[in-house]
Amino acid sequence: NPVIGFEKYFLSVEGGDTSDAKEVACTFTVTQENKVVTTEEVTSELTAKPEREGSVFTCTTGALELKATVPTKVDISLADDTGAKATCSALFTLPKP
């Protein structure tokens, strides 16, 4: 999500967990022009969602100063408090604010 008028963006990841975990640590590593621009860790509590037979979480970074219209790689590492881990990556171009 861009901040209108500034080259600042908020990045978010949402997910679910079927274990008894209480919180998830999300680490965002952002790379532009082959250089790591920032690494930010955010912790989110899990919220029960019985209809999904588990819990859900959302991690959102603070405002990140990133260049618009430049290919941007975001690597995300997730770890819950039971020791379960997952990773994912995405490559995209941020819109002009």
C-alpha atoms as a PDB file:
ATOM      1  CA  ASN A   1       0.000   0.000   0.000  1.00  0.00           C
ATOM      2  CA  PRO A   2       1.553   3.340  -1.002  1.00  0.00           C
ATOM      3  CA  VAL A   3       1.576   6.527   1.075  1.00  0.00           C
ATOM      4  CA  ILE A   4       0.175   9.149  -1.287  1.00  0.00           C
ATOM      5  CA  GLY A   5       2.744  11.776  -2.264  1.00  0.00           C
ATOM      6  CA  PHE A   6       5.755   9.926  -0.801  1.00  0.00           C
ATOM      7  CA  GLU A   7       7.822   6.950  -1.901  1.00  0.00           C
ATOM      8  CA  LYS A   8       6.801   5.055   1.231  1.00  0.00           C
ATOM      9  CA  TYR A   9       4.972   1.739   1.265  1.00  0.00           C
ATOM     10  CA  PHE A  10       3.434  -0.619   3.810  1.00  0.00           C
ATOM     11  CA  LEU A  11       3.879  -4.341   3.135  1.00  0.00           C
ATOM     12  CA  SER A  12       1.551  -6.968   4.601  1.00  0.00           C
ATOM     13  CA  VAL A  13       1.279 -10.718   4.772  1.00  0.00           C
ATOM     14  CA  GLU A  14      -1.738 -12.694   5.996  1.00  0.00           C
ATOM     15  CA  GLY A  15      -1.961 -16.356   6.797  1.00  0.00           C
ATOM     16  CA  GLY A  16      -3.459 -19.119   8.850  1.00  0.00           C
ATOM     17  CA  ASP A  17      -2.248 -21.663  11.375  1.00  0.00           C
ATOM     18  CA  THR A  18      -3.882 -24.888  12.502  1.00  0.00           C
ATOM     19  CA  SER A  19      -1.595 -25.504  15.488  1.00  0.00           C
ATOM     20  CA  ASP A  20      -1.883 -24.168  19.032  1.00  0.00           C
ATOM     21  CA  ALA A  21       0.493 -21.276  18.258  1.00  0.00           C
ATOM     22  CA  LYS A  22      -0.220 -17.915  19.891  1.00  0.00           C
ATOM     23  CA  GLU A  23       1.913 -15.582  17.746  1.00  0.00           C
ATOM     24  CA  VAL A  24       3.853 -15.401  14.485  1.00  0.00           C
ATOM     25  CA  ALA A  25       7.082 -13.517  13.755  1.00  0.00           C
ATOM     26  CA  CYS A  26       7.218 -12.202  10.179  1.00  0.00           C
ATOM     27  CA  THR A  27      10.545 -11.066   8.720  1.00  0.00           C
ATOM     28  CA  PHE A  28      10.381  -8.962   5.542  1.00  0.00           C
ATOM     29  CA  THR A  29      13.591  -8.547   3.509  1.00  0.00           C
ATOM     30  CA  VAL A  30      13.249  -6.083   0.626  1.00  0.00           C
ATOM     31  CA  THR A  31      15.752  -5.927  -2.237  1.00  0.00           C
ATOM     32  CA  GLN A  32      15.931  -3.326  -5.011  1.00  0.00           C
ATOM     33  CA  GLU A  33      18.646  -3.024  -7.664  1.00  0.00           C
ATOM     34  CA  ASN A  34      20.401  -6.106  -6.199  1.00  0.00           C
ATOM     35  CA  LYS A  35      20.808  -4.430  -2.783  1.00  0.00           C
ATOM     36  CA  VAL A  36      18.955  -5.217   0.433  1.00  0.00           C
ATOM     37  CA  VAL A  37      17.081  -2.010   1.209  1.00  0.00           C
ATOM     38  CA  THR A  38      15.588  -3.063   4.522  1.00  0.00           C
ATOM     39  CA  THR A  39      14.846  -5.995   6.785  1.00  0.00           C
ATOM     40  CA  GLU A  40      11.975  -5.595   9.215  1.00  0.00           C
ATOM     41  CA  GLU A  41      10.539  -8.048  11.740  1.00  0.00           C
ATOM     42  CA  VAL A  42       6.924  -7.763  12.849  1.00  0.00           C
ATOM     43  CA  THR A  43       5.115  -9.961  15.376  1.00  0.00           C
ATOM     44  CA  SER A  44       1.395 -10.713  15.161  1.00  0.00           C
ATOM     45  CA  GLU A  45      -0.884 -12.509  17.569  1.00  0.00           C
ATOM     46  CA  LEU A  46      -3.049 -15.251  16.102  1.00  0.00           C
ATOM     47  CA  THR A  47      -6.811 -14.746  16.174  1.00  0.00           C
ATOM     48  CA  ALA A  48      -9.100 -17.777  16.427  1.00  0.00           C
ATOM     49  CA  LYS A  49     -11.132 -18.541  13.288  1.00  0.00           C
ATOM     50  CA  PRO A  50     -13.168 -21.682  14.057  1.00  0.00           C
ATOM     51  CA  GLU A  51     -14.672 -21.677  10.564  1.00  0.00           C
ATOM     52  CA  ARG A  52     -11.124 -22.185   9.222  1.00  0.00           C
ATOM     53  CA  GLU A  53     -10.336 -24.799  11.887  1.00  0.00           C
ATOM     54  CA  GLY A  54      -7.475 -22.707  13.242  1.00  0.00           C
ATOM     55  CA  SER A  55      -6.251 -19.154  13.608  1.00  0.00           C
ATOM     56  CA  VAL A  56      -5.266 -16.257  11.332  1.00  0.00           C
ATOM     57  CA  PHE A  57      -2.655 -13.506  11.499  1.00  0.00           C
ATOM     58  CA  THR A  58      -1.686 -10.323   9.679  1.00  0.00           C
ATOM     59  CA  CYS A  59       1.784  -8.755   9.762  1.00  0.00           C
ATOM     60  CA  THR A  60       2.242  -5.218   8.405  1.00  0.00           C
ATOM     61  CA  THR A  61       5.509  -3.296   8.228  1.00  0.00           C
ATOM     62  CA  GLY A  62       5.954   0.330   9.159  1.00  0.00           C
ATOM     63  CA  ALA A  63       6.281   2.832   6.301  1.00  0.00           C
ATOM     64  CA  LEU A  64       9.214   1.720   4.132  1.00  0.00           C
ATOM     65  CA  GLU A  65      11.026   4.183   1.864  1.00  0.00           C
ATOM     66  CA  LEU A  66      11.291   2.319  -1.440  1.00  0.00           C
ATOM     67  CA  LYS A  67      11.779   3.393  -5.050  1.00  0.00           C
ATOM     68  CA  ALA A  68       8.687   3.254  -7.236  1.00  0.00           C
ATOM     69  CA  THR A  69       8.724   1.585 -10.675  1.00  0.00           C
ATOM     70  CA  VAL A  70      11.870  -0.418  -9.807  1.00  0.00           C
ATOM     71  CA  PRO A  71      11.673  -4.245  -9.682  1.00  0.00           C
ATOM     72  CA  THR A  72      11.377  -5.108  -5.996  1.00  0.00           C
ATOM     73  CA  LYS A  73      11.943  -8.528  -4.419  1.00  0.00           C
ATOM     74  CA  VAL A  74      10.292  -9.247  -1.087  1.00  0.00           C
ATOM     75  CA  ASP A  75      11.369 -12.319   0.870  1.00  0.00           C
ATOM     76  CA  ILE A  76       9.181 -13.240   3.830  1.00  0.00           C
ATOM     77  CA  SER A  77      10.097 -15.648   6.594  1.00  0.00           C
ATOM     78  CA  LEU A  78       7.419 -16.755   9.070  1.00  0.00           C
ATOM     79  CA  ALA A  79       7.961 -18.550  12.378  1.00  0.00           C
ATOM     80  CA  ASP A  80       5.327 -19.294  14.997  1.00  0.00           C
ATOM     81  CA  ASP A  81       5.965 -19.832  18.687  1.00  0.00           C
ATOM     82  CA  THR A  82       5.728 -23.624  18.300  1.00  0.00           C
ATOM     83  CA  GLY A  83       8.751 -23.652  15.980  1.00  0.00           C
ATOM     84  CA  ALA A  84       6.918 -24.052  12.662  1.00  0.00           C
ATOM     85  CA  LYS A  85       8.487 -22.056   9.821  1.00  0.00           C
ATOM     86  CA  ALA A  86       7.622 -21.052   6.257  1.00  0.00           C
ATOM     87  CA  THR A  87       9.090 -18.772   3.604  1.00  0.00           C
ATOM     88  CA  CYS A  88       7.897 -17.141   0.407  1.00  0.00           C
ATOM     89  CA  SER A  89       9.177 -14.618  -2.127  1.00  0.00           C
ATOM     90  CA  ALA A  90       7.565 -12.237  -4.605  1.00  0.00           C
ATOM     91  CA  LEU A  91       8.965  -9.986  -7.308  1.00  0.00           C
ATOM     92  CA  PHE A  92       6.948  -6.973  -8.379  1.00  0.00           C
ATOM     93  CA  THR A  93       7.147  -3.284  -9.278  1.00  0.00           C
ATOM     94  CA  LEU A  94       5.758  -0.764  -6.806  1.00  0.00           C
ATOM     95  CA  PRO A  95       3.333   1.831  -8.203  1.00  0.00           C
ATOM     96  CA  LYS A  96       4.097   5.524  -8.096  1.00  0.00           C
ATOM     97  CA  PRO A  97       2.502   7.045  -5.006  1.00  0.00           C
END
